[in-house]
Amino acid sequence: MSGDGDNGGGIGSGIGGAAGDGPRDKAGMTHGARATGGPETGADVGARAGAGSGVDAGADTGTAARLQKLFEGHRLTPTQRRIAHCMVRRAADAPFLSSVELAELAGVSQPSVTRFAVALGFDGYPALRRHLREVAPTEKPGDTGSYNEYQQAVQAEIDNLRHLAAALADPSPVIEAGRLFAASRPLPVLGLRAATAQAAGFSYFARKVHPDVRLLDEGGTMLTDRIDAAVRAGASALLCFALPRHPREVVDALEYARTAGLTVVTVADSAFAPVAHHTDLLLPAAVGTGLAFDTACAPMLLGRVLLEAMCDALPDAQARLEEFDARAAARGLFVE
């Protein structure tokens, strides 16, 4: 079975990927073209991340963090960032991959992997791999071959949630996002295609405590008009949910929102996502890629965490919730 929609994942996707979306690795990772053309440092994206980046099932979060640290301070080309993204997602396997295997997974040439290693200060890829083996666990993760494909998908999401929990050990980015949302009147929430459900879910609950939440879930020429209307009404921040496959409209909308003066906070599948360059605060939460269509438990949960942070920053949030409960009871809205 293979998926042909927005959110196609691992089964049957292989290396070739879907039309118009760049090569995909064996885990279903999309390597779309970034909106920026020139090199940037490994820290340029990581500094905006605020909370880690997407890692596949079985990856050790400590290894992923060490890889992120290794990339900091180096100017990386778009191809090299693609390799870095692949290594972070496959952190547990990275010390054991040959240059040919890594090139295949990242959708680049083998010489590009060699140049990437040199750009990081190593004599070549073998030296980089030796370094990774010295600082990483000496054995590969245990075999999950006894799981069927459905169990593996669930295990992958469990690992994504564990990584999110580790990233939230530093709650400051989430707290800052909550303050930005509470202060923005109105608060536009953007999510197109695969991310529509995440944006709609956040907006549904946010409206119970925030006086003016505006869901932006349709693209087209009206999208910039709706951003303009939010800015004219007093909006100061915008929340975006951005999941693969990343629509070009989302990248363009975020670029426009920032030029219009909005502070952009984005929940994305990775710190290396195409939207990163157009985001002021990026909060990564990995998606699962083991099924025909990606699964997004971690982005959904991160959205709920952001709701909690926004409630903490709204002094009348509890009163609004209690008022809603009273009205719901009076109307018999819910079946007990």
C-alpha atoms as a PDB file:
ATOM      1  CA  MET A   1       0.000   0.000   0.000  1.00  0.00           C
ATOM      2  CA  SER A   2       1.270   3.472  -0.771  1.00  0.00           C
ATOM      3  CA  GLY A   3      -0.202   6.882   0.012  1.00  0.00           C
ATOM      4  CA  ASP A   4      -0.508   9.609  -2.589  1.00  0.00           C
ATOM      5  CA  GLY A   5      -1.837  12.441  -0.411  1.00  0.00           C
ATOM      6  CA  ASP A   6      -0.142  15.350   1.354  1.00  0.00           C
ATOM      7  CA  ASN A   7       1.122  13.349   4.256  1.00  0.00           C
ATOM      8  CA  GLY A   8       2.556  10.263   2.598  1.00  0.00           C
ATOM      9  CA  GLY A   9       4.840   8.362   4.918  1.00  0.00           C
ATOM     10  CA  GLY A  10       7.054   5.332   4.774  1.00  0.00           C
ATOM     11  CA  ILE A  11       5.274   2.408   3.084  1.00  0.00           C
ATOM     12  CA  GLY A  12       6.177   2.235  -0.555  1.00  0.00           C
ATOM     13  CA  SER A  13       7.737   5.699  -0.584  1.00  0.00           C
ATOM     14  CA  GLY A  14      11.318   4.469  -0.779  1.00  0.00           C
ATOM     15  CA  ILE A  15      13.964   6.860  -1.974  1.00  0.00           C
ATOM     16  CA  GLY A  16      12.144   8.384  -4.894  1.00  0.00           C
ATOM     17  CA  GLY A  17       9.479  10.330  -3.015  1.00  0.00           C
ATOM     18  CA  ALA A  18       6.387  11.959  -4.397  1.00  0.00           C
ATOM     19  CA  ALA A  19       6.344  14.272  -7.362  1.00  0.00           C
ATOM     20  CA  GLY A  20       7.281  17.840  -6.577  1.00  0.00           C
ATOM     21  CA  ASP A  21       8.487  17.067  -3.086  1.00  0.00           C
ATOM     22  CA  GLY A  22      12.172  16.167  -3.292  1.00  0.00           C
ATOM     23  CA  PRO A  23      13.806  12.823  -2.434  1.00  0.00           C
ATOM     24  CA  ARG A  24      12.633  10.917   0.614  1.00  0.00           C
ATOM     25  CA  ASP A  25      14.807   8.620   2.686  1.00  0.00           C
ATOM     26  CA  LYS A  26      13.856   5.127   3.823  1.00  0.00           C
ATOM     27  CA  ALA A  27      12.144   6.557   6.884  1.00  0.00           C
ATOM     28  CA  GLY A  28       9.906   8.717   4.696  1.00  0.00           C
ATOM     29  CA  MET A  29      11.779  11.945   5.392  1.00  0.00           C
ATOM     30  CA  THR A  30      11.118  14.639   2.843  1.00  0.00           C
ATOM     31  CA  HIS A  31      14.037  16.677   1.583  1.00  0.00           C
ATOM     32  CA  GLY A  32      12.248  19.668   0.083  1.00  0.00           C
ATOM     33  CA  ALA A  33      14.121  22.704  -1.156  1.00  0.00           C
ATOM     34  CA  ARG A  34      14.570  25.310   1.548  1.00  0.00           C
ATOM     35  CA  ALA A  35      13.358  28.851   1.027  1.00  0.00           C
ATOM     36  CA  THR A  36      16.847  30.178   1.596  1.00  0.00           C
ATOM     37  CA  GLY A  37      19.504  29.933  -1.037  1.00  0.00           C
ATOM     38  CA  GLY A  38      22.806  30.455   0.749  1.00  0.00           C
ATOM     39  CA  PRO A  39      24.755  28.586   3.384  1.00  0.00           C
ATOM     40  CA  GLU A  40      23.962  28.959   7.051  1.00  0.00           C
ATOM     41  CA  THR A  41      25.480  27.602  10.201  1.00  0.00           C
ATOM     42  CA  GLY A  42      24.256  24.491  11.930  1.00  0.00           C
ATOM     43  CA  ALA A  43      23.324  26.722  14.844  1.00  0.00           C
ATOM     44  CA  ASP A  44      21.234  29.086  12.700  1.00  0.00           C
ATOM     45  CA  VAL A  45      18.445  26.532  12.613  1.00  0.00           C
ATOM     46  CA  GLY A  46      19.155  24.958  15.991  1.00  0.00           C
ATOM     47  CA  ALA A  47      19.080  28.290  17.781  1.00  0.00           C
ATOM     48  CA  ARG A  48      15.512  28.773  16.600  1.00  0.00           C
ATOM     49  CA  ALA A  49      14.546  25.259  17.625  1.00  0.00           C
ATOM     50  CA  GLY A  50      13.965  25.895  21.292  1.00  0.00           C
ATOM     51  CA  ALA A  51      13.255  22.206  21.857  1.00  0.00           C
ATOM     52  CA  GLY A  52      15.291  19.592  19.979  1.00  0.00           C
ATOM     53  CA  SER A  53      14.461  18.121  16.569  1.00  0.00           C
ATOM     54  CA  GLY A  54      12.727  15.136  15.046  1.00  0.00           C
ATOM     55  CA  VAL A  55      14.295  11.706  15.642  1.00  0.00           C
ATOM     56  CA  ASP A  56      13.183   8.361  14.279  1.00  0.00           C
ATOM     57  CA  ALA A  57      12.250   5.335  16.356  1.00  0.00           C
ATOM     58  CA  GLY A  58      15.074   3.887  18.412  1.00  0.00           C
ATOM     59  CA  ALA A  59      17.195   7.009  18.264  1.00  0.00           C
ATOM     60  CA  ASP A  60      19.010   7.991  21.450  1.00  0.00           C
ATOM     61  CA  THR A  61      18.120  11.553  22.413  1.00  0.00           C
ATOM     62  CA  GLY A  62      21.611  12.086  23.862  1.00  0.00           C
ATOM     63  CA  THR A  63      23.176  11.057  20.559  1.00  0.00           C
ATOM     64  CA  ALA A  64      20.851  13.420  18.681  1.00  0.00           C
ATOM     65  CA  ALA A  65      21.838  16.264  20.989  1.00  0.00           C
ATOM     66  CA  ARG A  66      25.542  15.527  20.436  1.00  0.00           C
ATOM     67  CA  LEU A  67      24.994  15.593  16.686  1.00  0.00           C
ATOM     68  CA  GLN A  68      23.238  18.956  16.922  1.00  0.00           C
ATOM     69  CA  LYS A  69      26.176  20.251  18.962  1.00  0.00           C
ATOM     70  CA  LEU A  70      28.627  18.931  16.371  1.00  0.00           C
ATOM     71  CA  PHE A  71      26.920  20.950  13.620  1.00  0.00           C
ATOM     72  CA  GLU A  72      26.906  24.230  15.552  1.00  0.00           C
ATOM     73  CA  GLY A  73      29.266  26.913  14.317  1.00  0.00           C
ATOM     74  CA  HIS A  74      29.731  25.398  10.844  1.00  0.00           C
ATOM     75  CA  ARG A  75      28.410  27.009   7.694  1.00  0.00           C
ATOM     76  CA  LEU A  76      26.450  24.340   5.870  1.00  0.00           C
ATOM     77  CA  THR A  77      25.100  24.379   2.340  1.00  0.00           C
ATOM     78  CA  PRO A  78      21.513  23.238   1.673  1.00  0.00           C
ATOM     79  CA  THR A  79      22.835  19.796   0.658  1.00  0.00           C
ATOM     80  CA  GLN A  80      24.906  19.577   3.827  1.00  0.00           C
ATOM     81  CA  ARG A  81      21.916  20.606   5.951  1.00  0.00           C
ATOM     82  CA  ARG A  82      20.006  17.776   4.297  1.00  0.00           C
ATOM     83  CA  ILE A  83      22.698  15.339   5.420  1.00  0.00           C
ATOM     84  CA  ALA A  84      22.703  16.828   8.912  1.00  0.00           C
ATOM     85  CA  HIS A  85      18.924  16.514   9.098  1.00  0.00           C
ATOM     86  CA  CYS A  86      19.129  12.859   8.076  1.00  0.00           C
ATOM     87  CA  MET A  87      21.803  12.124  10.676  1.00  0.00           C
ATOM     88  CA  VAL A  88      19.805  13.726  13.470  1.00  0.00           C
ATOM     89  CA  ARG A  89      16.698  11.758  12.525  1.00  0.00           C
ATOM     90  CA  ARG A  90      18.731   8.546  12.358  1.00  0.00           C
ATOM     91  CA  ALA A  91      20.894   9.422  15.355  1.00  0.00           C
ATOM     92  CA  ALA A  92      21.108   5.900  16.736  1.00  0.00           C
ATOM     93  CA  ASP A  93      22.238   4.487  13.379  1.00  0.00           C
ATOM     94  CA  ALA A  94      24.498   7.358  12.298  1.00  0.00           C
ATOM     95  CA  PRO A  95      27.770   5.970  13.795  1.00  0.00           C
ATOM     96  CA  PHE A  96      27.300   2.726  11.848  1.00  0.00           C
ATOM     97  CA  LEU A  97      26.316   4.039   8.411  1.00  0.00           C
ATOM     98  CA  SER A  98      28.753   3.936   5.526  1.00  0.00           C
ATOM     99  CA  SER A  99      29.119   7.024   3.372  1.00  0.00           C
ATOM    100  CA  VAL A 100      27.183   5.268   0.602  1.00  0.00           C
ATOM    101  CA  GLU A 101      24.344   4.346   2.981  1.00  0.00           C
ATOM    102  CA  LEU A 102      24.160   7.866   4.400  1.00  0.00           C
ATOM    103  CA  ALA A 103      24.154   9.348   0.892  1.00  0.00           C
ATOM    104  CA  GLU A 104      21.277   7.065  -0.104  1.00  0.00           C
ATOM    105  CA  LEU A 105      19.255   7.908   3.002  1.00  0.00           C
ATOM    106  CA  ALA A 106      19.820  11.644   2.584  1.00  0.00           C
ATOM    107  CA  GLY A 107      19.181  11.593  -1.153  1.00  0.00           C
ATOM    108  CA  VAL A 108      22.580  13.095  -2.016  1.00  0.00           C
ATOM    109  CA  SER A 109      25.756  11.895  -3.716  1.00  0.00           C
ATOM    110  CA  GLN A 110      28.525  10.037  -1.885  1.00  0.00           C
ATOM    111  CA  PRO A 111      31.059  12.836  -2.585  1.00  0.00           C
ATOM    112  CA  SER A 112      28.621  15.250  -0.899  1.00  0.00           C
ATOM    113  CA  VAL A 113      28.876  13.159   2.276  1.00  0.00           C
ATOM    114  CA  THR A 114      32.659  13.366   2.105  1.00  0.00           C
ATOM    115  CA  ARG A 115      32.549  17.133   1.634  1.00  0.00           C
ATOM    116  CA  PHE A 116      30.125  17.361   4.541  1.00  0.00           C
ATOM    117  CA  ALA A 117      32.588  15.577   6.831  1.00  0.00           C
ATOM    118  CA  VAL A 118      35.396  17.877   5.721  1.00  0.00           C
ATOM    119  CA  ALA A 119      33.184  20.920   6.349  1.00  0.00           C
ATOM    120  CA  LEU A 120      32.832  19.722   9.941  1.00  0.00           C
ATOM    121  CA  GLY A 121      36.622  19.654  10.325  1.00  0.00           C
ATOM    122  CA  PHE A 122      37.351  15.954   9.748  1.00  0.00           C
ATOM    123  CA  ASP A 123      39.804  14.459   7.251  1.00  0.00           C
ATOM    124  CA  GLY A 124      36.965  12.545   5.647  1.00  0.00           C
ATOM    125  CA  TYR A 125      33.846  10.556   6.394  1.00  0.00           C
ATOM    126  CA  PRO A 126      35.704   7.628   8.073  1.00  0.00           C
ATOM    127  CA  ALA A 127      37.144  10.086  10.608  1.00  0.00           C
ATOM    128  CA  LEU A 128      33.668  11.523  11.268  1.00  0.00           C
ATOM    129  CA  ARG A 129      32.235   8.050  11.782  1.00  0.00           C
ATOM    130  CA  ARG A 130      35.064   7.095  14.168  1.00  0.00           C
ATOM    131  CA  HIS A 131      34.310  10.243  16.161  1.00  0.00           C
ATOM    132  CA  LEU A 132      30.606   9.367  16.343  1.00  0.00           C
ATOM    133  CA  ARG A 133      31.410   5.852  17.543  1.00  0.00           C
ATOM    134  CA  GLU A 134      33.651   7.233  20.257  1.00  0.00           C
ATOM    135  CA  VAL A 135      30.930   9.470  21.689  1.00  0.00           C
ATOM    136  CA  ALA A 136      27.902   7.215  21.001  1.00  0.00           C
ATOM    137  CA  PRO A 137      26.812   3.878  22.483  1.00  0.00           C
ATOM    138  CA  THR A 138      28.942   1.017  21.135  1.00  0.00           C
ATOM    139  CA  GLU A 139      26.021  -1.195  20.141  1.00  0.00           C
ATOM    140  CA  LYS A 140      23.179  -0.550  17.769  1.00  0.00           C
ATOM    141  CA  PRO A 141      19.680  -0.426  19.277  1.00  0.00           C
ATOM    142  CA  GLY A 142      17.934  -3.716  19.878  1.00  0.00           C
ATOM    143  CA  ASP A 143      16.152  -5.427  17.009  1.00  0.00           C
ATOM    144  CA  THR A 144      12.445  -4.608  16.767  1.00  0.00           C
ATOM    145  CA  GLY A 145      11.900  -7.193  14.051  1.00  0.00           C
ATOM    146  CA  SER A 146       9.520  -9.108  16.294  1.00  0.00           C
ATOM    147  CA  TYR A 147       7.025  -6.228  15.992  1.00  0.00           C
ATOM    148  CA  ASN A 148       4.644  -6.076  13.073  1.00  0.00           C
ATOM    149  CA  GLU A 149       4.409  -2.885  11.042  1.00  0.00           C
ATOM    150  CA  TYR A 150       1.535  -1.498  13.115  1.00  0.00           C
ATOM    151  CA  GLN A 151       3.368  -2.078  16.388  1.00  0.00           C
ATOM    152  CA  GLN A 152       6.490  -0.487  14.935  1.00  0.00           C
ATOM    153  CA  ALA A 153       4.474   2.617  14.052  1.00  0.00           C
ATOM    154  CA  VAL A 154       3.213   2.848  17.630  1.00  0.00           C
ATOM    155  CA  GLN A 155       6.722   2.325  19.023  1.00  0.00           C
ATOM    156  CA  ALA A 156       7.989   5.085  16.744  1.00  0.00           C
ATOM    157  CA  GLU A 157       5.424   7.492  18.171  1.00  0.00           C
ATOM    158  CA  ILE A 158       6.346   6.464  21.715  1.00  0.00           C
ATOM    159  CA  ASP A 159       9.957   7.337  20.923  1.00  0.00           C
ATOM    160  CA  ASN A 160       8.874  10.674  19.448  1.00  0.00           C
ATOM    161  CA  LEU A 161       6.970  11.471  22.643  1.00  0.00           C
ATOM    162  CA  ARG A 162       9.976  10.496  24.777  1.00  0.00           C
ATOM    163  CA  HIS A 163      12.133  12.860  22.761  1.00  0.00           C
ATOM    164  CA  LEU A 164       9.570  15.641  23.162  1.00  0.00           C
ATOM    165  CA  ALA A 165       9.515  15.047  26.917  1.00  0.00           C
ATOM    166  CA  ALA A 166      13.303  15.340  27.031  1.00  0.00           C
ATOM    167  CA  ALA A 167      13.202  18.552  24.991  1.00  0.00           C
ATOM    168  CA  LEU A 168      10.659  20.084  27.379  1.00  0.00           C
ATOM    169  CA  ALA A 169      13.162  19.796  30.227  1.00  0.00           C
ATOM    170  CA  ASP A 170      13.861  23.393  29.246  1.00  0.00           C
ATOM    171  CA  PRO A 171      10.356  24.906  29.282  1.00  0.00           C
ATOM    172  CA  SER A 172      11.453  28.463  28.523  1.00  0.00           C
ATOM    173  CA  PRO A 173      10.646  28.405  24.760  1.00  0.00           C
ATOM    174  CA  VAL A 174       7.137  27.103  25.453  1.00  0.00           C
ATOM    175  CA  ILE A 175       6.606  29.641  28.232  1.00  0.00           C
ATOM    176  CA  GLU A 176       7.737  32.428  25.902  1.00  0.00           C
ATOM    177  CA  ALA A 177       5.358  31.187  23.204  1.00  0.00           C
ATOM    178  CA  GLY A 178       2.486  31.164  25.701  1.00  0.00           C
ATOM    179  CA  ARG A 179       3.180  34.783  26.591  1.00  0.00           C
ATOM    180  CA  LEU A 180       3.267  35.781  22.938  1.00  0.00           C
ATOM    181  CA  PHE A 181      -0.089  34.092  22.278  1.00  0.00           C
ATOM    182  CA  ALA A 182      -1.739  35.628  25.343  1.00  0.00           C
ATOM    183  CA  ALA A 183      -0.613  39.114  24.315  1.00  0.00           C
ATOM    184  CA  SER A 184      -1.719  38.836  20.678  1.00  0.00           C
ATOM    185  CA  ARG A 185      -5.277  40.096  20.095  1.00  0.00           C
ATOM    186  CA  PRO A 186      -6.316  38.537  17.773  1.00  0.00           C
ATOM    187  CA  LEU A 187      -4.211  35.354  17.580  1.00  0.00           C
ATOM    188  CA  PRO A 188      -4.045  33.888  14.051  1.00  0.00           C
ATOM    189  CA  VAL A 189      -3.346  30.137  13.893  1.00  0.00           C
ATOM    190  CA  LEU A 190      -2.122  28.786  10.554  1.00  0.00           C
ATOM    191  CA  GLY A 191      -2.232  25.178   9.377  1.00  0.00           C
ATOM    192  CA  LEU A 192      -2.686  23.955   5.813  1.00  0.00           C
ATOM    193  CA  ARG A 193      -3.168  20.489   4.360  1.00  0.00           C
ATOM    194  CA  ALA A 194      -1.668  17.845   6.692  1.00  0.00           C
ATOM    195  CA  ALA A 195      -1.372  20.381   9.510  1.00  0.00           C
ATOM    196  CA  THR A 196      -4.995  21.546   9.320  1.00  0.00           C
ATOM    197  CA  ALA A 197      -6.139  19.192  12.079  1.00  0.00           C
ATOM    198  CA  GLN A 198      -3.417  20.387  14.451  1.00  0.00           C
ATOM    199  CA  ALA A 199      -4.284  24.061  13.874  1.00  0.00           C
ATOM    200  CA  ALA A 200      -8.028  23.414  14.176  1.00  0.00           C
ATOM    201  CA  GLY A 201      -7.595  21.450  17.409  1.00  0.00           C
ATOM    202  CA  PHE A 202      -5.503  24.181  18.970  1.00  0.00           C
ATOM    203  CA  SER A 203      -7.953  26.869  17.862  1.00  0.00           C
ATOM    204  CA  TYR A 204     -10.987  24.984  19.199  1.00  0.00           C
ATOM    205  CA  PHE A 205      -9.623  24.864  22.734  1.00  0.00           C
ATOM    206  CA  ALA A 206      -7.854  28.235  22.590  1.00  0.00           C
ATOM    207  CA  ARG A 207     -11.159  30.004  21.897  1.00  0.00           C
ATOM    208  CA  LYS A 208     -12.420  28.902  25.310  1.00  0.00           C
ATOM    209  CA  VAL A 209      -9.826  31.087  27.040  1.00  0.00           C
ATOM    210  CA  HIS A 210      -8.541  33.570  24.426  1.00  0.00           C
ATOM    211  CA  PRO A 211     -10.897  36.365  23.326  1.00  0.00           C
ATOM    212  CA  ASP A 212     -10.046  36.258  19.609  1.00  0.00           C
ATOM    213  CA  VAL A 213      -8.501  33.255  17.845  1.00  0.00           C
ATOM    214  CA  ARG A 214      -8.567  33.199  14.042  1.00  0.00           C
ATOM    215  CA  LEU A 215      -8.012  29.877  12.276  1.00  0.00           C
ATOM    216  CA  LEU A 216      -6.211  30.186   8.926  1.00  0.00           C
ATOM    217  CA  ASP A 217      -6.803  26.787   7.324  1.00  0.00           C
ATOM    218  CA  GLU A 218      -7.324  27.703   3.679  1.00  0.00           C
ATOM    219  CA  GLY A 219      -4.648  28.777   1.228  1.00  0.00           C
ATOM    220  CA  GLY A 220      -5.017  30.778  -1.929  1.00  0.00           C
ATOM    221  CA  THR A 221      -4.999  34.509  -2.497  1.00  0.00           C
ATOM    222  CA  MET A 222      -7.229  35.160   0.519  1.00  0.00           C
ATOM    223  CA  LEU A 223      -4.596  33.934   2.975  1.00  0.00           C
ATOM    224  CA  THR A 224      -2.505  37.107   2.874  1.00  0.00           C
ATOM    225  CA  ASP A 225      -5.702  39.159   3.117  1.00  0.00           C
ATOM    226  CA  ARG A 226      -6.605  37.361   6.330  1.00  0.00           C
ATOM    227  CA  ILE A 227      -3.113  37.936   7.717  1.00  0.00           C
ATOM    228  CA  ASP A 228      -3.443  41.630   6.874  1.00  0.00           C
ATOM    229  CA  ALA A 229      -6.837  41.739   8.609  1.00  0.00           C
ATOM    230  CA  ALA A 230      -5.373  40.163  11.749  1.00  0.00           C
ATOM    231  CA  VAL A 231      -2.528  42.689  11.788  1.00  0.00           C
ATOM    232  CA  ARG A 232      -4.931  45.599  11.351  1.00  0.00           C
ATOM    233  CA  ALA A 233      -7.004  44.251  14.251  1.00  0.00           C
ATOM    234  CA  GLY A 234      -3.940  44.293  16.504  1.00  0.00           C
ATOM    235  CA  ALA A 235      -2.324  40.860  16.165  1.00  0.00           C
ATOM    236  CA  SER A 236       1.299  40.697  17.274  1.00  0.00           C
ATOM    237  CA  ALA A 237       2.036  36.959  16.934  1.00  0.00           C
ATOM    238  CA  LEU A 238       1.085  34.050  14.700  1.00  0.00           C
ATOM    239  CA  LEU A 239       1.147  30.335  15.521  1.00  0.00           C
ATOM    240  CA  CYS A 240       1.827  27.948  12.657  1.00  0.00           C
ATOM    241  CA  PHE A 241       1.641  24.159  12.536  1.00  0.00           C
ATOM    242  CA  ALA A 242       3.874  22.958   9.685  1.00  0.00           C
ATOM    243  CA  LEU A 243       4.038  19.263   8.874  1.00  0.00           C
ATOM    244  CA  PRO A 244       5.331  17.332   5.865  1.00  0.00           C
ATOM    245  CA  ARG A 245       4.762  17.526   3.065  1.00  0.00           C
ATOM    246  CA  HIS A 246       5.383  21.249   3.524  1.00  0.00           C
ATOM    247  CA  PRO A 247       3.164  23.384   1.254  1.00  0.00           C
ATOM    248  CA  ARG A 248       4.931  26.260  -0.468  1.00  0.00           C
ATOM    249  CA  GLU A 249       1.986  28.458   0.559  1.00  0.00           C
ATOM    250  CA  VAL A 250       2.926  28.031   4.222  1.00  0.00           C
ATOM    251  CA  VAL A 251       6.519  29.156   3.634  1.00  0.00           C
ATOM    252  CA  ASP A 252       5.278  32.164   1.648  1.00  0.00           C
ATOM    253  CA  ALA A 253       2.652  33.000   4.289  1.00  0.00           C
ATOM    254  CA  LEU A 254       5.195  32.947   7.119  1.00  0.00           C
ATOM    255  CA  GLU A 255       7.561  35.159   5.157  1.00  0.00           C
ATOM    256  CA  TYR A 256       4.696  37.591   4.558  1.00  0.00           C
ATOM    257  CA  ALA A 257       3.583  37.487   8.193  1.00  0.00           C
ATOM    258  CA  ARG A 258       7.036  38.448   9.428  1.00  0.00           C
ATOM    259  CA  THR A 259       7.317  41.330   6.977  1.00  0.00           C
ATOM    260  CA  ALA A 260       3.903  42.461   8.267  1.00  0.00           C
ATOM    261  CA  GLY A 261       5.370  42.672  11.759  1.00  0.00           C
ATOM    262  CA  LEU A 262       4.096  39.437  13.329  1.00  0.00           C
ATOM    263  CA  THR A 263       6.262  37.273  15.588  1.00  0.00           C
ATOM    264  CA  VAL A 264       6.020  33.759  14.144  1.00  0.00           C
ATOM    265  CA  VAL A 265       5.996  30.681  16.372  1.00  0.00           C
ATOM    266  CA  THR A 266       6.013  27.377  14.493  1.00  0.00           C
ATOM    267  CA  VAL A 267       5.463  23.780  15.546  1.00  0.00           C
ATOM    268  CA  ALA A 268       7.286  21.762  12.881  1.00  0.00           C
ATOM    269  CA  ASP A 269       8.462  18.211  12.405  1.00  0.00           C
ATOM    270  CA  SER A 270      12.122  19.184  12.565  1.00  0.00           C
ATOM    271  CA  ALA A 271      14.474  22.049  13.323  1.00  0.00           C
ATOM    272  CA  PHE A 272      15.597  21.685   9.689  1.00  0.00           C
ATOM    273  CA  ALA A 273      12.088  22.031   8.216  1.00  0.00           C
ATOM    274  CA  PRO A 274      11.690  24.406   5.229  1.00  0.00           C
ATOM    275  CA  VAL A 275       9.762  26.870   7.415  1.00  0.00           C
ATOM    276  CA  ALA A 276      12.664  27.323   9.849  1.00  0.00           C
ATOM    277  CA  HIS A 277      14.166  30.359   8.128  1.00  0.00           C
ATOM    278  CA  HIS A 278      10.838  32.219   8.336  1.00  0.00           C
ATOM    279  CA  THR A 279      10.191  31.484  12.022  1.00  0.00           C
ATOM    280  CA  ASP A 280      11.154  33.470  15.106  1.00  0.00           C
ATOM    281  CA  LEU A 281      10.616  30.575  17.522  1.00  0.00           C
ATOM    282  CA  LEU A 282      10.641  27.017  16.182  1.00  0.00           C
ATOM    283  CA  LEU A 283       9.375  24.185  18.389  1.00  0.00           C
ATOM    284  CA  PRO A 284      10.139  20.797  16.785  1.00  0.00           C
ATOM    285  CA  ALA A 285       8.028  17.694  17.359  1.00  0.00           C
ATOM    286  CA  ALA A 286       8.776  14.673  15.190  1.00  0.00           C
ATOM    287  CA  VAL A 287       6.187  12.890  13.084  1.00  0.00           C
ATOM    288  CA  GLY A 288       5.977   9.128  12.647  1.00  0.00           C
ATOM    289  CA  THR A 289       6.757   7.873   9.166  1.00  0.00           C
ATOM    290  CA  GLY A 290       6.197   4.131   9.455  1.00  0.00           C
ATOM    291  CA  LEU A 291       2.739   4.063   7.861  1.00  0.00           C
ATOM    292  CA  ALA A 292       1.423   5.141   4.482  1.00  0.00           C
ATOM    293  CA  PHE A 293       0.428   8.487   6.026  1.00  0.00           C
ATOM    294  CA  ASP A 294       2.508  10.252   8.673  1.00  0.00           C
ATOM    295  CA  THR A 295       1.349  10.221  12.291  1.00  0.00           C
ATOM    296  CA  ALA A 296       1.555  13.382  14.381  1.00  0.00           C
ATOM    297  CA  CYS A 297       1.068  12.522  18.050  1.00  0.00           C
ATOM    298  CA  ALA A 298       4.027  14.633  19.201  1.00  0.00           C
ATOM    299  CA  PRO A 299       2.956  17.817  17.339  1.00  0.00           C
ATOM    300  CA  MET A 300      -0.568  17.387  18.721  1.00  0.00           C
ATOM    301  CA  LEU A 301       0.705  17.004  22.274  1.00  0.00           C
ATOM    302  CA  LEU A 302       3.046  19.963  21.872  1.00  0.00           C
ATOM    303  CA  GLY A 303       0.031  21.999  20.764  1.00  0.00           C
ATOM    304  CA  ARG A 304      -1.724  21.090  24.017  1.00  0.00           C
ATOM    305  CA  VAL A 305       1.388  22.069  25.980  1.00  0.00           C
ATOM    306  CA  LEU A 306       1.336  25.450  24.243  1.00  0.00           C
ATOM    307  CA  LEU A 307      -2.330  25.823  25.204  1.00  0.00           C
ATOM    308  CA  GLU A 308      -1.382  25.224  28.829  1.00  0.00           C
ATOM    309  CA  ALA A 309       1.383  27.832  28.619  1.00  0.00           C
ATOM    310  CA  MET A 310      -1.046  30.322  27.081  1.00  0.00           C
ATOM    311  CA  CYS A 311      -3.577  29.662  29.851  1.00  0.00           C
ATOM    312  CA  ASP A 312      -0.861  30.300  32.426  1.00  0.00           C
ATOM    313  CA  ALA A 313      -0.210  33.678  30.773  1.00  0.00           C
ATOM    314  CA  LEU A 314      -3.895  34.677  30.599  1.00  0.00           C
ATOM    315  CA  PRO A 315      -5.038  35.971  34.005  1.00  0.00           C
ATOM    316  CA  ASP A 316      -8.714  35.281  33.306  1.00  0.00           C
ATOM    317  CA  ALA A 317      -8.301  31.852  31.696  1.00  0.00           C
ATOM    318  CA  GLN A 318      -9.687  29.923  34.668  1.00  0.00           C
ATOM    319  CA  ALA A 319     -12.684  32.240  34.979  1.00  0.00           C
ATOM    320  CA  ARG A 320     -13.462  31.791  31.276  1.00  0.00           C
ATOM    321  CA  LEU A 321     -13.312  28.002  31.616  1.00  0.00           C
ATOM    322  CA  GLU A 322     -15.604  28.031  34.614  1.00  0.00           C
ATOM    323  CA  GLU A 323     -18.033  30.305  32.773  1.00  0.00           C
ATOM    324  CA  PHE A 324     -18.082  27.931  29.812  1.00  0.00           C
ATOM    325  CA  ASP A 325     -18.698  24.929  32.087  1.00  0.00           C
ATOM    326  CA  ALA A 326     -21.604  26.707  33.753  1.00  0.00           C
ATOM    327  CA  ARG A 327     -23.205  27.591  30.429  1.00  0.00           C
ATOM    328  CA  ALA A 328     -22.643  24.103  29.052  1.00  0.00           C
ATOM    329  CA  ALA A 329     -24.343  22.595  32.095  1.00  0.00           C
ATOM    330  CA  ALA A 330     -27.279  24.991  31.800  1.00  0.00           C
ATOM    331  CA  ARG A 331     -27.743  24.049  28.144  1.00  0.00           C
ATOM    332  CA  GLY A 332     -27.298  20.337  28.739  1.00  0.00           C
ATOM    333  CA  LEU A 333     -24.566  20.478  26.122  1.00  0.00           C
ATOM    334  CA  PHE A 334     -22.789  17.278  27.106  1.00  0.00           C
ATOM    335  CA  VAL A 335     -24.089  13.835  27.994  1.00  0.00           C
ATOM    336  CA  GLU A 336     -22.796  12.879  31.419  1.00  0.00           C
END
